[in-house]
Amino acid sequence: MRRLLLLALALLLAAAAPAAAHLTPNSEVRLDFARDRVVAEVVIPLGELGYAMGRPIPPRAGPAPPGVADYLRPRISARVPDGRPWTTTVRDLRIVDDGAAPDLVAHVELVPAPGASMRRFDLSYSAVIDRVRNHFALVLVRTDYEGGQLSETPRLLGGLQWDARTLRVDRGAESAWRGFASAIGLGMRHIAEGHDHLLFLMALLLPAPLIARDGRWRDYGGLRFTLGRLLRVVTAFTLGHSVTLIGGAFLGWRLPAQPVEVMIAISILVSALHAARPLFAGREPVVAAGFGLIHGLAFATVIGHFGLDPWQKAQSILGFNLGIELVQLAVVAAVMPELTVMARTRSYPAIRTVAAAFCAIAAIAWIFERTLGVDNLIGRLIDTGLAHGPWLFGLLIAATALTVLADRLRKVAPASG
């Protein structure tokens, strides 16, 4: 284990490379639907904006200079299909530089006319596109809880250009159930694609069937013992991440993203070391709950940035948590029968050590990646491998069959001799 960790450390230092920055080639209008208004986040490349305004804009990150709001205000509006105007308020204009090219980011509140539906309107937009013919403004829906759009990936509605500056937005009938179902799906996707969360769970599962004695993992504890430990660990992790998920969404609990992601990687490393040698035998639920608090802070950033009202947030948190639990239970149900079978064989200590070493190497790769802000070869390879869940599950089944076969052959050999 020690040699593998040192090897991973050396490879990480050799393979580190700067991470790529984000680039916004065209303007974007990202719509968030609340109960009584639509909030449009407008993103415009600063160079294009300066050309359209007839004067360069200093690319200094911070509040936008005077005159930008006056330029944008008459160039974005909404109307009921019968022609009645919505109320438009431009606020929070900032220059943002992500390292590739600076953008103007503005938030525009669109409040429907009295008695009008906020789900069907004509959006008019002409910033930059009224001067630059080859410039596009992409209109996307980022959040529409009642329409079932609750995703980290916005959905494209259409594009605007110099000769097409109005887009009919029609989101159809509202349905709270569609939003709840979308939150469940979001939770399932987030945990299924969140390799670090799943690897943390896997590291905790590795020693679950075993009894610790004299500083080592020893004998198989039996089915009832294993199920009891699993229930306590999974429940504790759920309670931990639920607390900070609710606190982050409702109370604004926040930590910078980087230390949270680093601590998640550290939680995997600690759990991997525990899988190799018992560090906190019998206290796994306490550790799972503590690390669950950290993982919940990462979950909270998913729900927190959608701009939902309190009731929608409550429903989303419930659905999001339900989605997480469904995937966790599916992983436990898929993996634990094989681990329980292998735990009864002589080969399991070696298999557990190799699996724990893999988790530790992945954790170290992510710690370096997230601490230094650089990409690395090991991290990319591990992410690529973990993305092939069905193949890994098939490999686990094959390993279980080979382990049982080898154990039986080992028992038969002395008898035949």
Protein backbone atom coordinates (compact mmCIF):
# COMPACT_ATOMS: atom_id res chain seq x y z
CA MET A 1 0.00 0.00 0.00
CA ARG A 2 2.79 2.44 0.93
CA ARG A 3 4.64 1.77 -2.32
CA LEU A 4 1.50 2.31 -4.38
CA LEU A 5 0.83 5.64 -2.66
CA LEU A 6 4.39 6.83 -3.29
CA LEU A 7 4.15 5.75 -6.94
CA ALA A 8 0.90 7.70 -7.36
CA LEU A 9 2.50 10.77 -5.79
CA ALA A 10 5.45 10.66 -8.21
CA LEU A 11 3.22 10.18 -11.27
CA LEU A 12 0.96 13.04 -10.24
CA LEU A 13 3.85 15.48 -10.02
CA ALA A 14 5.08 14.38 -13.47
CA ALA A 15 1.68 14.45 -15.18
CA ALA A 16 0.28 17.74 -13.85
CA ALA A 17 -1.02 20.13 -16.53
CA PRO A 18 -2.89 23.45 -16.39
CA ALA A 19 -6.68 23.15 -16.54
CA ALA A 20 -8.51 24.63 -19.53
CA ALA A 21 -10.58 27.80 -19.09
CA HIS A 22 -14.13 28.36 -20.25
CA LEU A 23 -14.85 30.33 -23.43
CA THR A 24 -18.15 32.03 -24.38
CA PRO A 25 -18.09 32.76 -28.15
CA ASN A 26 -21.67 34.13 -28.38
CA SER A 27 -24.11 35.79 -26.04
CA GLU A 28 -26.40 33.71 -23.87
CA VAL A 29 -29.73 34.48 -22.19
CA ARG A 30 -30.31 31.90 -19.45
CA LEU A 31 -33.84 31.84 -18.07
CA ASP A 32 -34.78 30.85 -14.53
CA PHE A 33 -38.53 30.51 -13.89
CA ALA A 34 -39.74 31.36 -10.38
CA ARG A 35 -43.35 31.41 -9.19
CA ASP A 36 -44.02 35.06 -10.03
CA ARG A 37 -41.20 36.13 -12.36
CA VAL A 38 -38.56 35.05 -14.81
CA VAL A 39 -34.94 35.95 -14.15
CA ALA A 40 -32.70 36.16 -17.21
CA GLU A 41 -28.96 35.87 -16.75
CA VAL A 42 -27.43 37.63 -19.76
CA VAL A 43 -23.84 36.81 -20.72
CA ILE A 44 -22.21 38.97 -23.43
CA PRO A 45 -18.56 38.77 -24.61
CA LEU A 46 -16.96 42.04 -23.56
CA GLY A 47 -15.19 42.67 -26.85
CA GLU A 48 -18.42 42.31 -28.83
CA LEU A 49 -20.26 44.52 -26.34
CA GLY A 50 -17.64 47.29 -26.63
CA TYR A 51 -17.88 47.21 -30.43
CA ALA A 52 -21.68 47.43 -30.31
CA MET A 53 -21.57 50.33 -27.84
CA GLY A 54 -18.95 52.16 -29.89
CA ARG A 55 -16.36 52.32 -27.13
CA PRO A 56 -14.00 49.78 -25.53
CA ILE A 57 -14.88 48.51 -22.06
CA PRO A 58 -11.97 47.92 -19.64
CA PRO A 59 -11.70 44.16 -18.97
CA ARG A 60 -11.34 44.61 -15.22
CA ALA A 61 -13.34 42.11 -13.17
CA GLY A 62 -15.94 43.80 -10.97
CA PRO A 63 -18.97 46.06 -11.41
CA ALA A 64 -19.72 47.11 -14.98
CA PRO A 65 -18.81 50.72 -15.83
CA PRO A 66 -21.51 53.42 -16.13
CA GLY A 67 -23.57 53.35 -19.28
CA VAL A 68 -23.72 49.57 -19.72
CA ALA A 69 -27.05 49.27 -17.89
CA ASP A 70 -28.49 52.12 -19.99
CA TYR A 71 -27.36 50.30 -23.13
CA LEU A 72 -28.84 46.93 -22.10
CA ARG A 73 -32.14 48.11 -20.58
CA PRO A 74 -34.00 49.01 -23.83
CA ARG A 75 -32.61 45.94 -25.60
CA ILE A 76 -34.28 43.22 -23.55
CA SER A 77 -38.01 42.98 -22.86
CA ALA A 78 -40.93 40.58 -22.69
CA ARG A 79 -44.56 40.85 -23.76
CA VAL A 80 -47.73 38.85 -23.44
CA PRO A 81 -48.67 37.41 -26.87
CA ASP A 82 -51.52 39.96 -26.99
CA GLY A 83 -48.94 42.77 -26.80
CA ARG A 84 -49.08 43.81 -23.13
CA PRO A 85 -45.58 44.54 -21.80
CA TRP A 86 -43.94 42.89 -18.84
CA THR A 87 -42.01 44.88 -16.23
CA THR A 88 -38.26 44.71 -16.87
CA THR A 89 -35.57 45.49 -14.27
CA VAL A 90 -31.86 45.27 -15.05
CA ARG A 91 -29.64 44.70 -12.04
CA ASP A 92 -26.31 43.28 -10.90
CA LEU A 93 -24.12 43.98 -13.92
CA ARG A 94 -20.56 42.68 -13.54
CA ILE A 95 -17.48 42.03 -15.63
CA VAL A 96 -16.38 38.41 -15.18
CA ASP A 97 -13.09 37.00 -16.43
CA ASP A 98 -12.71 33.21 -16.35
CA GLY A 99 -9.20 33.30 -17.76
CA ALA A 100 -10.17 32.92 -21.43
CA ALA A 101 -12.12 36.05 -22.37
CA PRO A 102 -14.00 38.56 -20.19
CA ASP A 103 -17.81 38.70 -20.29
CA LEU A 104 -20.52 41.02 -19.07
CA VAL A 105 -22.92 39.14 -16.80
CA ALA A 106 -26.23 40.85 -15.99
CA HIS A 107 -29.40 39.70 -14.26
CA VAL A 108 -32.71 40.95 -15.63
CA GLU A 109 -36.00 40.42 -13.78
CA LEU A 110 -39.05 39.98 -16.01
CA VAL A 111 -42.38 40.25 -14.19
CA PRO A 112 -45.52 39.34 -16.17
CA ALA A 113 -48.35 41.79 -16.81
CA PRO A 114 -51.29 41.53 -14.36
CA GLY A 115 -53.32 38.40 -15.03
CA ALA A 116 -50.90 37.09 -17.65
CA SER A 117 -49.27 33.67 -17.55
CA MET A 118 -45.55 33.74 -16.96
CA ARG A 119 -45.15 30.52 -18.93
CA ARG A 120 -45.99 31.94 -22.36
CA PHE A 121 -44.48 35.19 -23.61
CA ASP A 122 -42.48 36.82 -26.39
CA LEU A 123 -38.87 37.57 -25.47
CA SER A 124 -37.26 40.44 -27.38
CA TYR A 125 -33.49 40.88 -27.31
CA SER A 126 -31.20 43.00 -29.50
CA ALA A 127 -27.98 43.67 -27.56
CA VAL A 128 -24.96 43.36 -29.90
CA ILE A 129 -26.99 41.48 -32.55
CA ASP A 130 -28.44 44.79 -33.78
CA ARG A 131 -24.90 45.86 -34.78
CA VAL A 132 -23.01 42.59 -35.40
CA ARG A 133 -24.77 40.47 -38.02
CA ASN A 134 -22.85 37.25 -37.41
CA HIS A 135 -23.34 37.33 -33.62
CA PHE A 136 -25.85 34.97 -32.00
CA ALA A 137 -27.71 35.20 -28.72
CA LEU A 138 -28.63 31.72 -27.49
CA VAL A 139 -31.75 31.51 -25.30
CA LEU A 140 -31.69 28.68 -22.78
CA VAL A 141 -33.88 27.48 -19.92
CA ARG A 142 -31.75 26.80 -16.87
CA THR A 143 -34.42 26.34 -14.21
CA ASP A 144 -38.14 25.68 -14.59
CA TYR A 145 -39.26 23.61 -11.62
CA GLU A 146 -42.92 23.53 -12.63
CA GLY A 147 -41.90 22.48 -16.14
CA GLY A 148 -39.62 19.67 -15.02
CA GLN A 149 -36.40 21.47 -15.97
CA LEU A 150 -34.08 21.15 -12.99
CA SER A 151 -30.66 20.36 -14.31
CA GLU A 152 -27.08 21.54 -14.24
CA THR A 153 -27.23 21.57 -18.06
CA PRO A 154 -29.45 24.34 -19.54
CA ARG A 155 -31.84 23.41 -22.34
CA LEU A 156 -31.64 25.37 -25.58
CA LEU A 157 -34.86 27.12 -26.63
CA GLY A 158 -33.61 28.94 -29.71
CA GLY A 159 -31.24 31.51 -31.12
CA LEU A 160 -31.59 35.23 -31.91
CA GLN A 161 -29.72 37.19 -34.60
CA TRP A 162 -29.86 40.61 -36.24
CA ASP A 163 -32.90 39.71 -38.39
CA ALA A 164 -34.67 37.55 -35.75
CA ARG A 165 -34.75 39.37 -32.42
CA THR A 166 -37.92 37.94 -30.87
CA LEU A 167 -38.52 34.41 -29.60
CA ARG A 168 -41.82 32.91 -28.47
CA VAL A 169 -41.29 31.14 -25.12
CA ASP A 170 -43.98 28.58 -24.32
CA ARG A 171 -43.30 26.34 -21.32
CA GLY A 172 -46.71 24.64 -21.27
CA ALA A 173 -48.79 23.81 -18.20
CA GLU A 174 -47.10 23.85 -14.81
CA SER A 175 -46.86 20.72 -12.67
CA ALA A 176 -45.22 20.35 -9.26
CA TRP A 177 -44.91 16.60 -9.84
CA ARG A 178 -42.73 17.20 -12.91
CA GLY A 179 -40.41 19.31 -10.78
CA PHE A 180 -40.24 16.68 -8.04
CA ALA A 181 -39.53 13.93 -10.58
CA SER A 182 -36.83 16.12 -12.13
CA ALA A 183 -35.23 16.59 -8.69
CA ILE A 184 -35.16 12.81 -8.21
CA GLY A 185 -33.49 12.40 -11.59
CA LEU A 186 -31.01 15.17 -10.75
CA GLY A 187 -30.05 13.42 -7.51
CA MET A 188 -29.63 10.09 -9.30
CA ARG A 189 -27.46 11.62 -12.03
CA HIS A 190 -25.39 13.63 -9.56
CA ILE A 191 -24.46 10.63 -7.40
CA ALA A 192 -24.08 8.26 -10.39
CA GLU A 193 -21.73 10.69 -12.14
CA GLY A 194 -20.08 11.79 -8.90
CA HIS A 195 -17.28 9.25 -8.87
CA ASP A 196 -15.83 10.64 -5.65
CA HIS A 197 -19.08 10.13 -3.71
CA LEU A 198 -19.44 6.56 -4.98
CA LEU A 199 -15.81 5.72 -4.29
CA PHE A 200 -16.21 6.96 -0.71
CA LEU A 201 -19.17 4.62 -0.31
CA MET A 202 -17.24 1.75 -1.87
CA ALA A 203 -14.29 2.26 0.50
CA LEU A 204 -16.67 2.01 3.46
CA LEU A 205 -18.27 -1.15 2.05
CA LEU A 206 -15.02 -3.09 1.62
CA PRO A 207 -14.55 -4.03 5.32
CA ALA A 208 -18.28 -4.13 6.13
CA PRO A 209 -18.50 -7.96 6.36
CA LEU A 210 -15.41 -8.28 8.57
CA ILE A 211 -14.68 -8.22 12.31
CA ALA A 212 -11.69 -6.18 13.50
CA ARG A 213 -9.39 -7.74 16.07
CA ASP A 214 -5.81 -6.94 17.18
CA GLY A 215 -5.49 -4.07 14.74
CA ARG A 216 -6.44 -6.12 11.67
CA TRP A 217 -9.51 -7.17 9.77
CA ARG A 218 -10.12 -10.80 10.62
CA ASP A 219 -13.06 -13.16 10.13
CA TYR A 220 -16.35 -12.83 8.31
CA GLY A 221 -18.95 -11.55 10.78
CA GLY A 222 -22.03 -13.20 9.30
CA LEU A 223 -24.96 -11.95 7.27
CA ARG A 224 -26.81 -10.28 10.15
CA PHE A 225 -23.65 -8.50 11.31
CA THR A 226 -22.95 -7.28 7.76
CA LEU A 227 -26.49 -6.03 7.14
CA GLY A 228 -26.55 -4.24 10.49
CA ARG A 229 -23.29 -2.44 9.79
CA LEU A 230 -24.42 -1.49 6.29
CA LEU A 231 -27.70 -0.09 7.58
CA ARG A 232 -25.93 2.04 10.19
CA VAL A 233 -23.26 3.35 7.81
CA VAL A 234 -25.61 4.23 4.95
CA THR A 235 -28.16 5.81 7.32
CA ALA A 236 -25.45 7.88 9.04
CA PHE A 237 -24.07 9.10 5.72
CA THR A 238 -27.58 10.03 4.59
CA LEU A 239 -28.29 11.98 7.78
CA GLY A 240 -24.96 13.79 7.53
CA HIS A 241 -25.32 14.99 3.96
CA SER A 242 -29.02 15.81 4.51
CA VAL A 243 -28.16 18.24 7.33
CA THR A 244 -25.72 20.30 5.28
CA LEU A 245 -27.83 20.01 2.13
CA ILE A 246 -30.77 21.60 3.97
CA GLY A 247 -28.50 24.15 5.67
CA GLY A 248 -26.87 25.10 2.40
CA ALA A 249 -30.14 25.43 0.49
CA PHE A 250 -32.18 27.26 3.17
CA LEU A 251 -29.69 28.89 5.54
CA GLY A 252 -26.95 29.79 3.10
CA TRP A 253 -24.27 27.57 4.66
CA ARG A 254 -21.34 27.87 2.31
CA LEU A 255 -17.70 27.00 2.05
CA PRO A 256 -15.56 27.74 -0.99
CA ALA A 257 -15.89 24.95 -3.53
CA GLN A 258 -12.18 24.07 -3.59
CA PRO A 259 -11.72 23.12 0.10
CA VAL A 260 -15.01 21.17 0.05
CA GLU A 261 -13.85 19.13 -2.95
CA VAL A 262 -10.43 18.57 -1.33
CA MET A 263 -12.05 17.39 1.90
CA ILE A 264 -14.24 14.96 -0.07
CA ALA A 265 -11.09 13.49 -1.61
CA ILE A 266 -9.52 13.28 1.87
CA SER A 267 -12.60 11.41 3.11
CA ILE A 268 -12.00 8.79 0.41
CA LEU A 269 -8.34 8.48 1.40
CA VAL A 270 -9.19 8.01 5.09
CA SER A 271 -11.85 5.42 4.26
CA ALA A 272 -9.44 3.58 1.95
CA LEU A 273 -6.80 3.38 4.68
CA HIS A 274 -9.50 2.11 7.05
CA ALA A 275 -10.43 -0.57 4.52
CA ALA A 276 -6.80 -1.75 4.53
CA ARG A 277 -6.31 -1.56 8.30
CA PRO A 278 -9.05 -0.74 10.84
CA LEU A 279 -8.58 2.85 11.98
CA PHE A 280 -12.00 3.41 13.54
CA ALA A 281 -13.54 -0.06 13.81
CA GLY A 282 -17.01 0.11 15.34
CA ARG A 283 -17.21 3.86 14.75
CA GLU A 284 -17.92 3.71 11.02
CA PRO A 285 -21.38 5.33 11.38
CA VAL A 286 -19.87 8.31 13.23
CA VAL A 287 -17.20 8.78 10.56
CA ALA A 288 -19.76 8.31 7.76
CA ALA A 289 -22.00 10.97 9.32
CA GLY A 290 -19.08 13.39 9.73
CA PHE A 291 -17.89 12.98 6.18
CA GLY A 292 -21.52 13.09 5.06
CA LEU A 293 -21.65 16.67 6.33
CA ILE A 294 -18.84 17.55 3.91
CA HIS A 295 -20.41 15.72 0.97
CA GLY A 296 -23.70 17.51 1.70
CA LEU A 297 -22.02 20.89 1.19
CA ALA A 298 -21.19 19.81 -2.36
CA PHE A 299 -24.77 18.62 -2.88
CA ALA A 300 -26.10 21.96 -1.60
CA THR A 301 -24.39 23.88 -4.39
CA VAL A 302 -26.49 21.93 -6.90
CA ILE A 303 -29.85 22.92 -5.37
CA GLY A 304 -28.77 26.34 -4.06
CA HIS A 305 -28.03 27.99 -7.40
CA PHE A 306 -31.40 27.21 -9.01
CA GLY A 307 -33.15 30.23 -7.46
CA LEU A 308 -36.19 28.27 -6.21
CA ASP A 309 -38.71 29.57 -3.70
CA PRO A 310 -38.81 27.91 -0.23
CA TRP A 311 -41.56 25.39 -1.07
CA GLN A 312 -39.88 24.39 -4.31
CA LYS A 313 -36.57 24.08 -2.48
CA ALA A 314 -38.15 21.78 0.11
CA GLN A 315 -39.61 19.57 -2.61
CA SER A 316 -36.35 19.62 -4.55
CA ILE A 317 -34.29 18.64 -1.51
CA LEU A 318 -36.64 15.74 -0.79
CA GLY A 319 -36.54 14.57 -4.40
CA PHE A 320 -32.78 15.12 -4.72
CA ASN A 321 -32.12 13.13 -1.54
CA LEU A 322 -34.46 10.38 -2.72
CA GLY A 323 -32.54 10.16 -6.00
CA ILE A 324 -29.23 9.92 -4.12
CA GLU A 325 -30.57 7.16 -1.87
CA LEU A 326 -31.95 5.16 -4.80
CA VAL A 327 -28.52 5.07 -6.44
CA GLN A 328 -26.75 4.35 -3.13
CA LEU A 329 -29.09 1.46 -2.39
CA ALA A 330 -28.66 0.16 -5.94
CA VAL A 331 -24.87 0.21 -5.50
CA VAL A 332 -25.08 -1.53 -2.13
CA ALA A 333 -27.49 -4.14 -3.50
CA ALA A 334 -25.24 -4.76 -6.52
CA VAL A 335 -21.91 -4.89 -4.71
CA MET A 336 -22.49 -6.35 -1.26
CA PRO A 337 -23.55 -9.88 -2.31
CA GLU A 338 -20.21 -10.28 -4.11
CA LEU A 339 -18.20 -8.77 -1.25
CA THR A 340 -20.04 -10.97 1.26
CA VAL A 341 -19.26 -14.09 -0.75
CA MET A 342 -15.59 -13.13 -1.21
CA ALA A 343 -15.23 -12.20 2.48
CA ARG A 344 -15.55 -15.90 3.33
CA THR A 345 -12.56 -16.84 1.15
CA ARG A 346 -8.83 -16.74 1.78
CA SER A 347 -8.28 -14.42 -1.18
CA TYR A 348 -10.38 -11.57 0.20
CA PRO A 349 -7.57 -9.87 2.20
CA ALA A 350 -5.54 -9.45 -0.99
CA ILE A 351 -8.58 -8.32 -3.00
CA ARG A 352 -9.60 -5.85 -0.30
CA THR A 353 -6.07 -4.44 -0.11
CA VAL A 354 -5.87 -3.93 -3.89
CA ALA A 355 -9.31 -2.28 -3.94
CA ALA A 356 -8.36 -0.07 -0.99
CA ALA A 357 -5.13 0.91 -2.78
CA PHE A 358 -7.11 1.87 -5.88
CA CYS A 359 -9.40 4.08 -3.79
CA ALA A 360 -6.38 5.67 -2.10
CA ILE A 361 -4.64 6.39 -5.41
CA ALA A 362 -7.81 7.95 -6.80
CA ALA A 363 -8.13 10.07 -3.65
CA ILE A 364 -4.53 11.30 -3.89
CA ALA A 365 -5.03 12.12 -7.58
CA TRP A 366 -8.09 14.20 -6.75
CA ILE A 367 -6.39 15.89 -3.78
CA PHE A 368 -3.58 17.10 -6.03
CA GLU A 369 -5.97 18.06 -8.81
CA ARG A 370 -8.23 20.04 -6.51
CA THR A 371 -5.53 21.60 -4.35
CA LEU A 372 -3.29 22.78 -7.16
CA GLY A 373 -6.06 23.44 -9.69
CA VAL A 374 -4.35 21.29 -12.31
CA ASP A 375 -5.42 18.33 -14.37
CA ASN A 376 -3.37 15.12 -14.25
CA LEU A 377 -3.14 11.86 -16.15
CA ILE A 378 -3.99 9.57 -13.23
CA GLY A 379 -7.12 11.54 -12.38
CA ARG A 380 -8.28 11.41 -16.00
CA LEU A 381 -7.66 7.66 -16.25
CA ILE A 382 -9.52 6.95 -13.02
CA ASP A 383 -12.49 9.10 -14.04
CA THR A 384 -12.59 7.35 -17.42
CA GLY A 385 -12.52 3.93 -15.78
CA LEU A 386 -15.17 4.74 -13.20
CA ALA A 387 -17.46 6.02 -15.96
CA HIS A 388 -17.87 2.41 -17.16
CA GLY A 389 -19.96 1.17 -14.25
CA PRO A 390 -21.56 -1.88 -15.95
CA TRP A 391 -18.15 -3.21 -17.03
CA LEU A 392 -16.79 -2.74 -13.52
CA PHE A 393 -19.79 -4.59 -12.11
CA GLY A 394 -19.18 -7.42 -14.58
CA LEU A 395 -15.53 -7.48 -13.51
CA LEU A 396 -16.63 -7.74 -9.87
CA ILE A 397 -18.88 -10.72 -10.66
CA ALA A 398 -16.07 -12.42 -12.58
CA ALA A 399 -13.62 -11.78 -9.73
CA THR A 400 -16.10 -13.24 -7.25
CA ALA A 401 -16.55 -16.40 -9.33
CA LEU A 402 -12.78 -16.84 -9.75
CA THR A 403 -12.19 -16.24 -6.04
CA VAL A 404 -14.76 -18.84 -5.00
CA LEU A 405 -13.38 -21.33 -7.55
CA ALA A 406 -9.81 -20.81 -6.37
CA ASP A 407 -10.88 -21.22 -2.75
CA ARG A 408 -12.65 -24.50 -3.50
CA LEU A 409 -9.69 -25.83 -5.48
CA ARG A 410 -7.43 -24.91 -2.57
CA LYS A 411 -9.63 -26.92 -0.21
CA VAL A 412 -9.87 -29.89 -2.55
CA ALA A 413 -6.12 -30.10 -3.18
CA PRO A 414 -5.11 -31.17 0.38
CA ALA A 415 -7.99 -33.64 0.53
CA SER A 416 -6.97 -35.30 -2.74
CA GLY A 417 -3.35 -35.33 -1.62
